[in-house]
Amino acid sequence: METRYTVRQAVEMTGVKSYVLRYWEEELELAISRTELGHRYYTEEDIRTFQNIKELKERGFQLK
Protein backbone atom coordinates (compact mmCIF):
# COMPACT_ATOMS: atom_id res chain seq x y z
CA MET A 1 0.00 0.00 0.00
CA GLU A 2 1.30 3.44 -0.91
CA THR A 3 2.16 6.00 1.72
CA ARG A 4 -0.32 8.86 2.00
CA TYR A 5 0.62 12.32 3.22
CA THR A 6 -1.68 15.02 4.56
CA VAL A 7 -1.60 18.61 3.34
CA ARG A 8 0.34 19.59 6.46
CA GLN A 9 2.94 16.88 5.80
CA ALA A 10 3.21 17.93 2.14
CA VAL A 11 3.82 21.53 3.23
CA GLU A 12 6.57 20.41 5.61
CA MET A 13 8.19 18.16 3.00
CA THR A 14 8.15 20.68 0.16
CA GLY A 15 8.51 23.98 2.00
CA VAL A 16 5.56 25.33 -0.02
CA LYS A 17 2.43 26.85 1.53
CA SER A 18 -0.81 24.88 1.21
CA TYR A 19 -2.52 27.54 -0.91
CA VAL A 20 0.39 27.35 -3.37
CA LEU A 21 0.03 23.56 -3.60
CA ARG A 22 -3.69 23.98 -4.35
CA TYR A 23 -2.90 26.66 -6.94
CA TRP A 24 -0.38 24.39 -8.69
CA GLU A 25 -2.92 21.54 -8.61
CA GLU A 26 -5.47 23.69 -10.41
CA GLU A 27 -3.14 25.44 -12.86
CA LEU A 28 -1.34 22.27 -13.89
CA GLU A 29 -4.44 20.08 -13.66
CA LEU A 30 -2.72 17.61 -11.35
CA ALA A 31 -4.82 14.59 -10.39
CA ILE A 32 -4.57 14.67 -6.60
CA SER A 33 -6.37 11.91 -4.73
CA ARG A 34 -8.93 12.50 -2.02
CA THR A 35 -10.23 10.52 0.91
CA GLU A 36 -13.81 9.36 1.20
CA LEU A 37 -14.55 12.63 3.03
CA GLY A 38 -13.04 14.71 0.23
CA HIS A 39 -9.76 15.61 1.97
CA ARG A 40 -6.67 15.76 -0.21
CA TYR A 41 -3.87 13.31 0.32
CA TYR A 42 -0.58 13.15 -1.47
CA THR A 43 1.58 10.24 -2.59
CA GLU A 44 5.37 10.18 -2.74
CA GLU A 45 5.07 10.84 -6.48
CA ASP A 46 2.93 13.93 -5.79
CA ILE A 47 5.55 15.21 -3.33
CA ARG A 48 8.32 14.71 -5.90
CA THR A 49 6.22 16.54 -8.49
CA PHE A 50 5.78 19.51 -6.15
CA GLN A 51 9.49 19.53 -5.33
CA ASN A 52 10.30 19.56 -9.06
CA ILE A 53 7.85 22.40 -9.69
CA LYS A 54 9.37 24.39 -6.83
CA GLU A 55 12.88 23.86 -8.21
CA LEU A 56 11.83 24.97 -11.70
CA LYS A 57 10.07 28.03 -10.28
CA GLU A 58 13.23 28.94 -8.34
CA ARG A 59 15.15 28.75 -11.65
CA GLY A 60 12.74 31.27 -13.16
CA PHE A 61 10.40 29.02 -15.14
CA GLN A 62 6.71 29.89 -15.35
CA LEU A 63 3.89 27.41 -14.80
CA LYS A 64 2.53 27.79 -18.30
PDB file of N, CA and C in Angstrom:
ATOM      1  N   MET A   1       0.844  -1.193   0.000  1.00  0.00           N
ATOM      2  CA  MET A   1       0.000   0.000   0.000  1.00  0.00           C
ATOM      3  C   MET A   1       0.881   1.245   0.000  1.00  0.00           C
ATOM      4  N   GLU A   2       0.485   2.224  -0.809  1.00  0.00           N
ATOM      5  CA  GLU A   2       1.297   3.436  -0.913  1.00  0.00           C
ATOM      6  C   GLU A   2       1.146   4.330   0.317  1.00  0.00           C
ATOM      7  N   THR A   3       2.189   5.070   0.613  1.00  0.00           N
ATOM      8  CA  THR A   3       2.159   6.001   1.721  1.00  0.00           C
ATOM      9  C   THR A   3       1.348   7.222   1.329  1.00  0.00           C
ATOM     10  N   ARG A   4       0.495   7.677   2.230  1.00  0.00           N
ATOM     11  CA  ARG A   4      -0.320   8.863   1.997  1.00  0.00           C
ATOM     12  C   ARG A   4       0.130   9.967   2.941  1.00  0.00           C
ATOM     13  N   TYR A   5       0.212  11.170   2.413  1.00  0.00           N
ATOM     14  CA  TYR A   5       0.624  12.318   3.218  1.00  0.00           C
ATOM     15  C   TYR A   5      -0.505  13.342   3.257  1.00  0.00           C
ATOM     16  N   THR A   6      -0.676  13.973   4.410  1.00  0.00           N
ATOM     17  CA  THR A   6      -1.679  15.025   4.555  1.00  0.00           C
ATOM     18  C   THR A   6      -1.150  16.317   3.950  1.00  0.00           C
ATOM     19  N   VAL A   7      -2.017  17.296   3.843  1.00  0.00           N
ATOM     20  CA  VAL A   7      -1.605  18.612   3.342  1.00  0.00           C
ATOM     21  C   VAL A   7      -0.496  19.164   4.234  1.00  0.00           C
ATOM     22  N   ARG A   8      -0.671  19.068   5.524  1.00  0.00           N
ATOM     23  CA  ARG A   8       0.339  19.586   6.461  1.00  0.00           C
ATOM     24  C   ARG A   8       1.689  18.917   6.239  1.00  0.00           C
ATOM     25  N   GLN A   9       1.695  17.608   6.042  1.00  0.00           N
ATOM     26  CA  GLN A   9       2.945  16.885   5.796  1.00  0.00           C
ATOM     27  C   GLN A   9       3.554  17.310   4.467  1.00  0.00           C
ATOM     28  N   ALA A  10       2.720  17.501   3.453  1.00  0.00           N
ATOM     29  CA  ALA A  10       3.215  17.933   2.142  1.00  0.00           C
ATOM     30  C   ALA A  10       3.860  19.309   2.246  1.00  0.00           C
ATOM     31  N   VAL A  11       3.249  20.193   3.019  1.00  0.00           N
ATOM     32  CA  VAL A  11       3.815  21.533   3.231  1.00  0.00           C
ATOM     33  C   VAL A  11       5.185  21.422   3.888  1.00  0.00           C
ATOM     34  N   GLU A  12       5.294  20.589   4.911  1.00  0.00           N
ATOM     35  CA  GLU A  12       6.573  20.412   5.610  1.00  0.00           C
ATOM     36  C   GLU A  12       7.634  19.809   4.695  1.00  0.00           C
ATOM     37  N   MET A  13       7.239  18.861   3.859  1.00  0.00           N
ATOM     38  CA  MET A  13       8.191  18.156   3.000  1.00  0.00           C
ATOM     39  C   MET A  13       8.664  19.010   1.824  1.00  0.00           C
ATOM     40  N   THR A  14       7.807  19.892   1.335  1.00  0.00           N
ATOM     41  CA  THR A  14       8.146  20.685   0.157  1.00  0.00           C
ATOM     42  C   THR A  14       8.593  22.102   0.485  1.00  0.00           C
ATOM     43  N   GLY A  15       8.201  22.600   1.656  1.00  0.00           N
ATOM     44  CA  GLY A  15       8.508  23.983   2.000  1.00  0.00           C
ATOM     45  C   GLY A  15       7.641  24.972   1.235  1.00  0.00           C
ATOM     46  N   VAL A  16       6.485  24.496   0.767  1.00  0.00           N
ATOM     47  CA  VAL A  16       5.563  25.327  -0.015  1.00  0.00           C
ATOM     48  C   VAL A  16       4.258  25.438   0.761  1.00  0.00           C
ATOM     49  N   LYS A  17       3.691  26.630   0.813  1.00  0.00           N
ATOM     50  CA  LYS A  17       2.430  26.851   1.530  1.00  0.00           C
ATOM     51  C   LYS A  17       1.298  26.041   0.895  1.00  0.00           C
ATOM     52  N   SER A  18       0.300  25.710   1.699  1.00  0.00           N
ATOM     53  CA  SER A  18      -0.813  24.879   1.213  1.00  0.00           C
ATOM     54  C   SER A  18      -1.586  25.551   0.086  1.00  0.00           C
ATOM     55  N   TYR A  19      -1.762  26.872   0.160  1.00  0.00           N
ATOM     56  CA  TYR A  19      -2.516  27.542  -0.907  1.00  0.00           C
ATOM     57  C   TYR A  19      -1.743  27.500  -2.233  1.00  0.00           C
ATOM     58  N   VAL A  20      -0.416  27.451  -2.162  1.00  0.00           N
ATOM     59  CA  VAL A  20       0.395  27.347  -3.374  1.00  0.00           C
ATOM     60  C   VAL A  20       0.254  25.947  -3.964  1.00  0.00           C
ATOM     61  N   LEU A  21       0.235  24.923  -3.116  1.00  0.00           N
ATOM     62  CA  LEU A  21       0.030  23.559  -3.599  1.00  0.00           C
ATOM     63  C   LEU A  21      -1.312  23.451  -4.319  1.00  0.00           C
ATOM     64  N   ARG A  22      -2.360  24.029  -3.726  1.00  0.00           N
ATOM     65  CA  ARG A  22      -3.688  23.984  -4.355  1.00  0.00           C
ATOM     66  C   ARG A  22      -3.679  24.740  -5.680  1.00  0.00           C
ATOM     67  N   TYR A  23      -2.996  25.873  -5.709  1.00  0.00           N
ATOM     68  CA  TYR A  23      -2.901  26.659  -6.944  1.00  0.00           C
ATOM     69  C   TYR A  23      -2.221  25.838  -8.044  1.00  0.00           C
ATOM     70  N   TRP A  24      -1.092  25.210  -7.718  1.00  0.00           N
ATOM     71  CA  TRP A  24      -0.383  24.391  -8.686  1.00  0.00           C
ATOM     72  C   TRP A  24      -1.266  23.242  -9.170  1.00  0.00           C
ATOM     73  N   GLU A  25      -2.006  22.632  -8.232  1.00  0.00           N
ATOM     74  CA  GLU A  25      -2.919  21.543  -8.613  1.00  0.00           C
ATOM     75  C   GLU A  25      -3.893  22.005  -9.690  1.00  0.00           C
ATOM     76  N   GLU A  26      -4.482  23.167  -9.471  1.00  0.00           N
ATOM     77  CA  GLU A  26      -5.474  23.687 -10.409  1.00  0.00           C
ATOM     78  C   GLU A  26      -4.839  24.116 -11.723  1.00  0.00           C
ATOM     79  N   GLU A  27      -3.777  24.902 -11.657  1.00  0.00           N
ATOM     80  CA  GLU A  27      -3.142  25.439 -12.857  1.00  0.00           C
ATOM     81  C   GLU A  27      -2.557  24.349 -13.744  1.00  0.00           C
ATOM     82  N   LEU A  28      -1.990  23.339 -13.127  1.00  0.00           N
ATOM     83  CA  LEU A  28      -1.337  22.273 -13.887  1.00  0.00           C
ATOM     84  C   LEU A  28      -2.226  21.045 -14.057  1.00  0.00           C
ATOM     85  N   GLU A  29      -3.459  21.163 -13.555  1.00  0.00           N
ATOM     86  CA  GLU A  29      -4.440  20.080 -13.655  1.00  0.00           C
ATOM     87  C   GLU A  29      -3.876  18.749 -13.154  1.00  0.00           C
ATOM     88  N   LEU A  30      -3.278  18.809 -11.964  1.00  0.00           N
ATOM     89  CA  LEU A  30      -2.723  17.607 -11.347  1.00  0.00           C
ATOM     90  C   LEU A  30      -3.852  16.780 -10.743  1.00  0.00           C
ATOM     91  N   ALA A  31      -3.797  15.494 -10.933  1.00  0.00           N
ATOM     92  CA  ALA A  31      -4.820  14.589 -10.391  1.00  0.00           C
ATOM     93  C   ALA A  31      -4.417  14.177  -8.978  1.00  0.00           C
ATOM     94  N   ILE A  32      -4.887  14.947  -7.999  1.00  0.00           N
ATOM     95  CA  ILE A  32      -4.571  14.674  -6.598  1.00  0.00           C
ATOM     96  C   ILE A  32      -5.715  13.863  -6.004  1.00  0.00           C
ATOM     97  N   SER A  33      -5.366  12.800  -5.315  1.00  0.00           N
ATOM     98  CA  SER A  33      -6.371  11.906  -4.728  1.00  0.00           C
ATOM     99  C   SER A  33      -7.018  12.544  -3.504  1.00  0.00           C
ATOM    100  N   ARG A  34      -8.181  12.031  -3.188  1.00  0.00           N
ATOM    101  CA  ARG A  34      -8.926  12.503  -2.017  1.00  0.00           C
ATOM    102  C   ARG A  34      -9.444  11.311  -1.230  1.00  0.00           C
ATOM    103  N   THR A  35      -9.646  11.560   0.060  1.00  0.00           N
ATOM    104  CA  THR A  35     -10.228  10.524   0.913  1.00  0.00           C
ATOM    105  C   THR A  35     -11.722  10.438   0.653  1.00  0.00           C
ATOM    106  N   GLU A  36     -12.365   9.518   1.328  1.00  0.00           N
ATOM    107  CA  GLU A  36     -13.812   9.358   1.201  1.00  0.00           C
ATOM    108  C   GLU A  36     -14.549  10.624   1.643  1.00  0.00           C
ATOM    109  N   LEU A  37     -13.939  11.392   2.534  1.00  0.00           N
ATOM    110  CA  LEU A  37     -14.552  12.630   3.028  1.00  0.00           C
ATOM    111  C   LEU A  37     -14.182  13.843   2.174  1.00  0.00           C
ATOM    112  N   GLY A  38     -13.389  13.625   1.128  1.00  0.00           N
ATOM    113  CA  GLY A  38     -13.036  14.714   0.228  1.00  0.00           C
ATOM    114  C   GLY A  38     -11.754  15.453   0.578  1.00  0.00           C
ATOM    115  N   HIS A  39     -11.014  14.981   1.586  1.00  0.00           N
ATOM    116  CA  HIS A  39      -9.759  15.615   1.970  1.00  0.00           C
ATOM    117  C   HIS A  39      -8.653  15.166   1.030  1.00  0.00           C
ATOM    118  N   ARG A  40      -7.795  16.101   0.655  1.00  0.00           N
ATOM    119  CA  ARG A  40      -6.667  15.760  -0.212  1.00  0.00           C
ATOM    120  C   ARG A  40      -5.667  14.887   0.544  1.00  0.00           C
ATOM    121  N   TYR A  41      -5.051  13.995  -0.202  1.00  0.00           N
ATOM    122  CA  TYR A  41      -3.872  13.310   0.321  1.00  0.00           C
ATOM    123  C   TYR A  41      -2.893  13.158  -0.833  1.00  0.00           C
ATOM    124  N   TYR A  42      -1.632  13.144  -0.475  1.00  0.00           N
ATOM    125  CA  TYR A  42      -0.575  13.145  -1.468  1.00  0.00           C
ATOM    126  C   TYR A  42       0.249  11.876  -1.371  1.00  0.00           C
ATOM    127  N   THR A  43       0.702  11.408  -2.531  1.00  0.00           N
ATOM    128  CA  THR A  43       1.582  10.238  -2.591  1.00  0.00           C
ATOM    129  C   THR A  43       3.031  10.735  -2.681  1.00  0.00           C
ATOM    130  N   GLU A  44       3.960   9.809  -2.599  1.00  0.00           N
ATOM    131  CA  GLU A  44       5.367  10.185  -2.740  1.00  0.00           C
ATOM    132  C   GLU A  44       5.619  10.794  -4.115  1.00  0.00           C
ATOM    133  N   GLU A  45       4.941  10.280  -5.129  1.00  0.00           N
ATOM    134  CA  GLU A  45       5.071  10.837  -6.477  1.00  0.00           C
ATOM    135  C   GLU A  45       4.572  12.286  -6.527  1.00  0.00           C
ATOM    136  N   ASP A  46       3.451  12.557  -5.846  1.00  0.00           N
ATOM    137  CA  ASP A  46       2.935  13.928  -5.791  1.00  0.00           C
ATOM    138  C   ASP A  46       3.950  14.859  -5.127  1.00  0.00           C
ATOM    139  N   ILE A  47       4.557  14.404  -4.045  1.00  0.00           N
ATOM    140  CA  ILE A  47       5.549  15.207  -3.326  1.00  0.00           C
ATOM    141  C   ILE A  47       6.735  15.505  -4.239  1.00  0.00           C
ATOM    142  N   ARG A  48       7.210  14.501  -4.961  1.00  0.00           N
ATOM    143  CA  ARG A  48       8.321  14.711  -5.902  1.00  0.00           C
ATOM    144  C   ARG A  48       7.926  15.713  -6.992  1.00  0.00           C
ATOM    145  N   THR A  49       6.702  15.602  -7.481  1.00  0.00           N
ATOM    146  CA  THR A  49       6.221  16.540  -8.494  1.00  0.00           C
ATOM    147  C   THR A  49       6.261  17.966  -7.955  1.00  0.00           C
ATOM    148  N   PHE A  50       5.763  18.173  -6.746  1.00  0.00           N
ATOM    149  CA  PHE A  50       5.777  19.507  -6.149  1.00  0.00           C
ATOM    150  C   PHE A  50       7.206  20.011  -5.934  1.00  0.00           C
ATOM    151  N   GLN A  51       8.093  19.132  -5.518  1.00  0.00           N
ATOM    152  CA  GLN A  51       9.488  19.530  -5.335  1.00  0.00           C
ATOM    153  C   GLN A  51      10.117  19.932  -6.663  1.00  0.00           C
ATOM    154  N   ASN A  52       9.795  19.208  -7.726  1.00  0.00           N
ATOM    155  CA  ASN A  52      10.303  19.557  -9.056  1.00  0.00           C
ATOM    156  C   ASN A  52       9.748  20.900  -9.530  1.00  0.00           C
ATOM    157  N   ILE A  53       8.463  21.113  -9.311  1.00  0.00           N
ATOM    158  CA  ILE A  53       7.847  22.397  -9.691  1.00  0.00           C
ATOM    159  C   ILE A  53       8.520  23.535  -8.942  1.00  0.00           C
ATOM    160  N   LYS A  54       8.727  23.347  -7.648  1.00  0.00           N
ATOM    161  CA  LYS A  54       9.369  24.385  -6.829  1.00  0.00           C
ATOM    162  C   LYS A  54      10.763  24.696  -7.366  1.00  0.00           C
ATOM    163  N   GLU A  55      11.524  23.656  -7.691  1.00  0.00           N
ATOM    164  CA  GLU A  55      12.879  23.856  -8.214  1.00  0.00           C
ATOM    165  C   GLU A  55      12.852  24.630  -9.533  1.00  0.00           C
ATOM    166  N   LEU A  56      11.942  24.262 -10.418  1.00  0.00           N
ATOM    167  CA  LEU A  56      11.826  24.967 -11.701  1.00  0.00           C
ATOM    168  C   LEU A  56      11.418  26.422 -11.494  1.00  0.00           C
ATOM    169  N   LYS A  57      10.486  26.669 -10.583  1.00  0.00           N
ATOM    170  CA  LYS A  57      10.067  28.033 -10.284  1.00  0.00           C
ATOM    171  C   LYS A  57      11.250  28.852  -9.758  1.00  0.00           C
ATOM    172  N   GLU A  58      12.066  28.237  -8.897  1.00  0.00           N
ATOM    173  CA  GLU A  58      13.231  28.941  -8.342  1.00  0.00           C
ATOM    174  C   GLU A  58      14.246  29.276  -9.434  1.00  0.00           C
ATOM    175  N   ARG A  59      14.253  28.484 -10.506  1.00  0.00           N
ATOM    176  CA  ARG A  59      15.154  28.749 -11.646  1.00  0.00           C
ATOM    177  C   ARG A  59      14.580  29.785 -12.600  1.00  0.00           C
ATOM    178  N   GLY A  60      13.331  30.217 -12.335  1.00  0.00           N
ATOM    179  CA  GLY A  60      12.744  31.270 -13.157  1.00  0.00           C
ATOM    180  C   GLY A  60      11.736  30.808 -14.175  1.00  0.00           C
ATOM    181  N   PHE A  61      11.395  29.520 -14.187  1.00  0.00           N
ATOM    182  CA  PHE A  61      10.405  29.024 -15.140  1.00  0.00           C
ATOM    183  C   PHE A  61       9.004  29.408 -14.681  1.00  0.00           C
ATOM    184  N   GLN A  62       8.112  29.595 -15.629  1.00  0.00           N
ATOM    185  CA  GLN A  62       6.711  29.893 -15.350  1.00  0.00           C
ATOM    186  C   GLN A  62       5.889  28.602 -15.419  1.00  0.00           C
ATOM    187  N   LEU A  63       4.733  28.603 -14.784  1.00  0.00           N
ATOM    188  CA  LEU A  63       3.886  27.414 -14.797  1.00  0.00           C
ATOM    189  C   LEU A  63       3.411  27.072 -16.198  1.00  0.00           C
ATOM    190  N   LYS A  64       3.078  28.059 -16.968  1.00  0.00           N
ATOM    191  CA  LYS A  64       2.526  27.792 -18.298  1.00  0.00           C
ATOM    192  C   LYS A  64       3.647  27.561 -19.222  1.00  0.00           C
TER     193      LYS A  64
END
